[in-house]
Amino acid sequence: MYVISEEAVISGAIASIWQAATDVAHWADWDPHEEKARIDGPFAPGTKGWVKPKGAPAGPFTITAVDEGGSWTSEAGIPFGKIRGHYTYTPVGEGAVRVVKRMEIHGPFRPIFRLIWEKGIRSDMHLSFAALEQEAQRRRAADAAHA
């Protein structure tokens, strides 16, 4: 197994961050890493989806675990292996949330993944964290305007 993990502390309400992070149908609207995405049911274990990351092939994924408001895990197949993504959201103070994205690469594709995509994935993670922060703030402002 090969692991790529990054984290950041972003500002925003945990509820707004969770809402944006788990709204698969709208990932491509705000996340610079995603071109297209969909989910074929509720955001719950066993639900399947499909994603097309920028610079990588499209493919299906399955949500394997959800701790509502705190974390979720998904798995996607790659040739002779799989990628497991684990995403954690932890409040660390008033209006601040630690976001952790951990990608585990299983199978013989590990060395290729490390050589070709690691640097880009790490920088994309931080771009996605910043975009998540902005999207969560946009959603919170929109909710306040409609209240």
C-alpha atoms as a PDB file:
ATOM      1  CA  MET A   1       0.000   0.000   0.000  1.00  0.00           C
ATOM      2  CA  TYR A   2       1.145   3.523  -0.809  1.00  0.00           C
ATOM      3  CA  VAL A   3      -0.404   6.522   1.000  1.00  0.00           C
ATOM      4  CA  ILE A   4      -0.776  10.152   0.009  1.00  0.00           C
ATOM      5  CA  SER A   5      -2.217  12.295   2.802  1.00  0.00           C
ATOM      6  CA  GLU A   6      -2.630  16.034   3.172  1.00  0.00           C
ATOM      7  CA  GLU A   7      -4.550  18.267   5.543  1.00  0.00           C
ATOM      8  CA  ALA A   8      -5.504  21.887   6.023  1.00  0.00           C
ATOM      9  CA  VAL A   9      -7.474  23.994   8.463  1.00  0.00           C
ATOM     10  CA  ILE A  10     -10.173  25.927   6.646  1.00  0.00           C
ATOM     11  CA  SER A  11     -12.665  28.456   7.899  1.00  0.00           C
ATOM     12  CA  GLY A  12     -16.361  27.761   7.871  1.00  0.00           C
ATOM     13  CA  ALA A  13     -19.152  25.977   9.664  1.00  0.00           C
ATOM     14  CA  ILE A  14     -18.801  22.200   9.810  1.00  0.00           C
ATOM     15  CA  ALA A  15     -22.370  21.750   8.505  1.00  0.00           C
ATOM     16  CA  SER A  16     -21.707  23.857   5.399  1.00  0.00           C
ATOM     17  CA  ILE A  17     -18.371  22.160   4.760  1.00  0.00           C
ATOM     18  CA  TRP A  18     -19.915  18.701   5.112  1.00  0.00           C
ATOM     19  CA  GLN A  19     -22.831  19.672   2.854  1.00  0.00           C
ATOM     20  CA  ALA A  20     -20.503  20.852   0.075  1.00  0.00           C
ATOM     21  CA  ALA A  21     -18.056  17.958   0.453  1.00  0.00           C
ATOM     22  CA  THR A  22     -20.765  15.300   0.177  1.00  0.00           C
ATOM     23  CA  ASP A  23     -22.793  16.905  -2.634  1.00  0.00           C
ATOM     24  CA  VAL A  24     -21.227  14.692  -5.313  1.00  0.00           C
ATOM     25  CA  ALA A  25     -23.425  15.996  -8.151  1.00  0.00           C
ATOM     26  CA  HIS A  26     -21.918  19.471  -7.681  1.00  0.00           C
ATOM     27  CA  TRP A  27     -18.230  18.625  -7.113  1.00  0.00           C
ATOM     28  CA  ALA A  28     -17.294  19.772 -10.611  1.00  0.00           C
ATOM     29  CA  ASP A  29     -18.997  23.138  -9.967  1.00  0.00           C
ATOM     30  CA  TRP A  30     -16.447  24.134  -7.325  1.00  0.00           C
ATOM     31  CA  ASP A  31     -13.591  21.582  -7.056  1.00  0.00           C
ATOM     32  CA  PRO A  32     -10.803  22.337  -9.568  1.00  0.00           C
ATOM     33  CA  HIS A  33      -9.738  18.673  -9.453  1.00  0.00           C
ATOM     34  CA  GLU A  34     -13.040  17.308 -10.770  1.00  0.00           C
ATOM     35  CA  GLU A  35     -14.404  17.532 -14.320  1.00  0.00           C
ATOM     36  CA  LYS A  36     -17.613  15.540 -13.788  1.00  0.00           C
ATOM     37  CA  ALA A  37     -19.192  13.507 -11.017  1.00  0.00           C
ATOM     38  CA  ARG A  38     -22.446  11.820 -10.139  1.00  0.00           C
ATOM     39  CA  ILE A  39     -23.885   9.631  -7.413  1.00  0.00           C
ATOM     40  CA  ASP A  40     -26.506   6.959  -7.955  1.00  0.00           C
ATOM     41  CA  GLY A  41     -28.397   7.185  -4.673  1.00  0.00           C
ATOM     42  CA  PRO A  42     -28.062   8.623  -1.180  1.00  0.00           C
ATOM     43  CA  PHE A  43     -24.678   9.531   0.289  1.00  0.00           C
ATOM     44  CA  ALA A  44     -24.432   6.278   2.249  1.00  0.00           C
ATOM     45  CA  PRO A  45     -22.355   3.105   2.391  1.00  0.00           C
ATOM     46  CA  GLY A  46     -22.921   0.919  -0.660  1.00  0.00           C
ATOM     47  CA  THR A  47     -23.946   3.767  -2.949  1.00  0.00           C
ATOM     48  CA  LYS A  48     -22.084   3.893  -6.232  1.00  0.00           C
ATOM     49  CA  GLY A  49     -20.992   6.943  -8.156  1.00  0.00           C
ATOM     50  CA  TRP A  50     -18.822   7.971 -11.060  1.00  0.00           C
ATOM     51  CA  VAL A  51     -16.107  10.632 -11.250  1.00  0.00           C
ATOM     52  CA  LYS A  52     -13.838  12.121 -13.903  1.00  0.00           C
ATOM     53  CA  PRO A  53     -10.834  13.832 -12.272  1.00  0.00           C
ATOM     54  CA  LYS A  54      -8.845  16.280 -14.380  1.00  0.00           C
ATOM     55  CA  GLY A  55      -5.831  14.567 -15.905  1.00  0.00           C
ATOM     56  CA  ALA A  56      -6.946  11.082 -14.922  1.00  0.00           C
ATOM     57  CA  PRO A  57      -9.304   8.484 -16.334  1.00  0.00           C
ATOM     58  CA  ALA A  58     -12.956   8.449 -15.349  1.00  0.00           C
ATOM     59  CA  GLY A  59     -14.339   5.582 -13.349  1.00  0.00           C
ATOM     60  CA  PRO A  60     -16.824   4.314 -10.816  1.00  0.00           C
ATOM     61  CA  PHE A  61     -16.457   4.469  -7.049  1.00  0.00           C
ATOM     62  CA  THR A  62     -18.376   3.071  -4.103  1.00  0.00           C
ATOM     63  CA  ILE A  63     -18.962   4.805  -0.789  1.00  0.00           C
ATOM     64  CA  THR A  64     -17.864   2.283   1.829  1.00  0.00           C
ATOM     65  CA  ALA A  65     -18.330   4.208   5.104  1.00  0.00           C
ATOM     66  CA  VAL A  66     -20.001   7.392   6.323  1.00  0.00           C
ATOM     67  CA  ASP A  67     -19.787   8.970   9.785  1.00  0.00           C
ATOM     68  CA  GLU A  68     -22.371  11.708   9.250  1.00  0.00           C
ATOM     69  CA  GLY A  69     -20.791  15.139   9.613  1.00  0.00           C
ATOM     70  CA  GLY A  70     -17.329  13.749  10.335  1.00  0.00           C
ATOM     71  CA  SER A  71     -15.848  11.434   7.724  1.00  0.00           C
ATOM     72  CA  TRP A  72     -16.460   9.230   4.732  1.00  0.00           C
ATOM     73  CA  THR A  73     -14.565   6.627   2.740  1.00  0.00           C
ATOM     74  CA  SER A  74     -14.790   5.517  -0.873  1.00  0.00           C
ATOM     75  CA  GLU A  75     -13.092   2.904  -3.026  1.00  0.00           C
ATOM     76  CA  ALA A  76     -12.402   2.796  -6.748  1.00  0.00           C
ATOM     77  CA  GLY A  77     -10.841   0.080  -8.831  1.00  0.00           C
ATOM     78  CA  ILE A  78      -7.603   0.542 -10.742  1.00  0.00           C
ATOM     79  CA  PRO A  79      -5.837  -2.118 -12.823  1.00  0.00           C
ATOM     80  CA  PHE A  80      -4.985  -4.996 -10.472  1.00  0.00           C
ATOM     81  CA  GLY A  81      -5.774  -2.933  -7.363  1.00  0.00           C
ATOM     82  CA  LYS A  82      -7.837  -0.178  -5.819  1.00  0.00           C
ATOM     83  CA  ILE A  83      -7.708   3.348  -4.490  1.00  0.00           C
ATOM     84  CA  ARG A  84      -9.299   4.039  -1.116  1.00  0.00           C
ATOM     85  CA  GLY A  85     -10.021   7.655  -0.236  1.00  0.00           C
ATOM     86  CA  HIS A  86     -10.740   8.667   3.347  1.00  0.00           C
ATOM     87  CA  TYR A  87     -11.965  12.202   4.059  1.00  0.00           C
ATOM     88  CA  THR A  88     -12.176  13.608   7.589  1.00  0.00           C
ATOM     89  CA  TYR A  89     -13.702  16.887   8.829  1.00  0.00           C
ATOM     90  CA  THR A  90     -12.973  17.864  12.438  1.00  0.00           C
ATOM     91  CA  PRO A  91     -13.976  21.158  14.098  1.00  0.00           C
ATOM     92  CA  VAL A  92     -10.896  22.724  15.703  1.00  0.00           C
ATOM     93  CA  GLY A  93     -12.353  25.926  17.076  1.00  0.00           C
ATOM     94  CA  GLU A  94     -15.008  28.499  16.379  1.00  0.00           C
ATOM     95  CA  GLY A  95     -15.481  28.542  12.619  1.00  0.00           C
ATOM     96  CA  ALA A  96     -12.465  26.358  11.786  1.00  0.00           C
ATOM     97  CA  VAL A  97     -12.352  22.778  10.500  1.00  0.00           C
ATOM     98  CA  ARG A  98      -9.385  20.473   9.921  1.00  0.00           C
ATOM     99  CA  VAL A  99      -9.861  18.680   6.609  1.00  0.00           C
ATOM    100  CA  VAL A 100      -7.784  15.571   5.920  1.00  0.00           C
ATOM    101  CA  LYS A 101      -7.699  13.689   2.636  1.00  0.00           C
ATOM    102  CA  ARG A 102      -5.916  10.332   2.655  1.00  0.00           C
ATOM    103  CA  MET A 103      -5.523   8.289  -0.514  1.00  0.00           C
ATOM    104  CA  GLU A 104      -4.346   4.675  -0.266  1.00  0.00           C
ATOM    105  CA  ILE A 105      -3.150   3.002  -3.455  1.00  0.00           C
ATOM    106  CA  HIS A 106      -3.265  -0.805  -3.342  1.00  0.00           C
ATOM    107  CA  GLY A 107      -1.796  -3.102  -6.000  1.00  0.00           C
ATOM    108  CA  PRO A 108       1.066  -3.107  -8.486  1.00  0.00           C
ATOM    109  CA  PHE A 109       0.109   0.331  -9.870  1.00  0.00           C
ATOM    110  CA  ARG A 110       1.655   1.967  -6.756  1.00  0.00           C
ATOM    111  CA  PRO A 111       5.074   2.865  -8.265  1.00  0.00           C
ATOM    112  CA  ILE A 112       3.524   4.361 -11.402  1.00  0.00           C
ATOM    113  CA  PHE A 113       1.051   6.329  -9.307  1.00  0.00           C
ATOM    114  CA  ARG A 114       3.878   7.660  -7.168  1.00  0.00           C
ATOM    115  CA  LEU A 115       6.086   8.660 -10.108  1.00  0.00           C
ATOM    116  CA  ILE A 116       3.453  10.153 -12.379  1.00  0.00           C
ATOM    117  CA  TRP A 117       0.671  11.563 -10.209  1.00  0.00           C
ATOM    118  CA  GLU A 118       1.828  12.149  -6.624  1.00  0.00           C
ATOM    119  CA  LYS A 119       3.073  15.732  -6.999  1.00  0.00           C
ATOM    120  CA  GLY A 120      -0.048  16.770  -8.876  1.00  0.00           C
ATOM    121  CA  ILE A 121      -2.359  15.023  -6.423  1.00  0.00           C
ATOM    122  CA  ARG A 122      -0.761  16.726  -3.428  1.00  0.00           C
ATOM    123  CA  SER A 123      -1.072  20.193  -4.977  1.00  0.00           C
ATOM    124  CA  ASP A 124      -4.617  19.402  -6.153  1.00  0.00           C
ATOM    125  CA  MET A 125      -5.574  18.437  -2.595  1.00  0.00           C
ATOM    126  CA  HIS A 126      -4.687  21.919  -1.353  1.00  0.00           C
ATOM    127  CA  LEU A 127      -6.515  23.563  -4.259  1.00  0.00           C
ATOM    128  CA  SER A 128      -9.547  21.435  -3.397  1.00  0.00           C
ATOM    129  CA  PHE A 129      -9.327  22.402   0.292  1.00  0.00           C
ATOM    130  CA  ALA A 130      -9.334  26.111  -0.645  1.00  0.00           C
ATOM    131  CA  ALA A 131     -12.214  25.603  -3.071  1.00  0.00           C
ATOM    132  CA  LEU A 132     -14.182  23.673  -0.417  1.00  0.00           C
ATOM    133  CA  GLU A 133     -13.723  26.571   1.989  1.00  0.00           C
ATOM    134  CA  GLN A 134     -15.070  29.026  -0.604  1.00  0.00           C
ATOM    135  CA  GLU A 135     -17.985  26.768  -1.571  1.00  0.00           C
ATOM    136  CA  ALA A 136     -18.991  26.214   2.062  1.00  0.00           C
ATOM    137  CA  GLN A 137     -18.953  29.968   2.677  1.00  0.00           C
ATOM    138  CA  ARG A 138     -20.993  30.551  -0.509  1.00  0.00           C
ATOM    139  CA  ARG A 139     -23.586  27.983   0.592  1.00  0.00           C
ATOM    140  CA  ARG A 140     -23.815  29.430   4.085  1.00  0.00           C
ATOM    141  CA  ALA A 141     -24.343  32.935   2.674  1.00  0.00           C
ATOM    142  CA  ALA A 142     -27.011  31.636   0.278  1.00  0.00           C
ATOM    143  CA  ASP A 143     -28.802  29.849   3.148  1.00  0.00           C
ATOM    144  CA  ALA A 144     -28.703  33.028   5.244  1.00  0.00           C
ATOM    145  CA  ALA A 145     -30.117  35.072   2.358  1.00  0.00           C
ATOM    146  CA  HIS A 146     -33.050  32.656   2.006  1.00  0.00           C
ATOM    147  CA  ALA A 147     -33.790  32.551   5.738  1.00  0.00           C
END
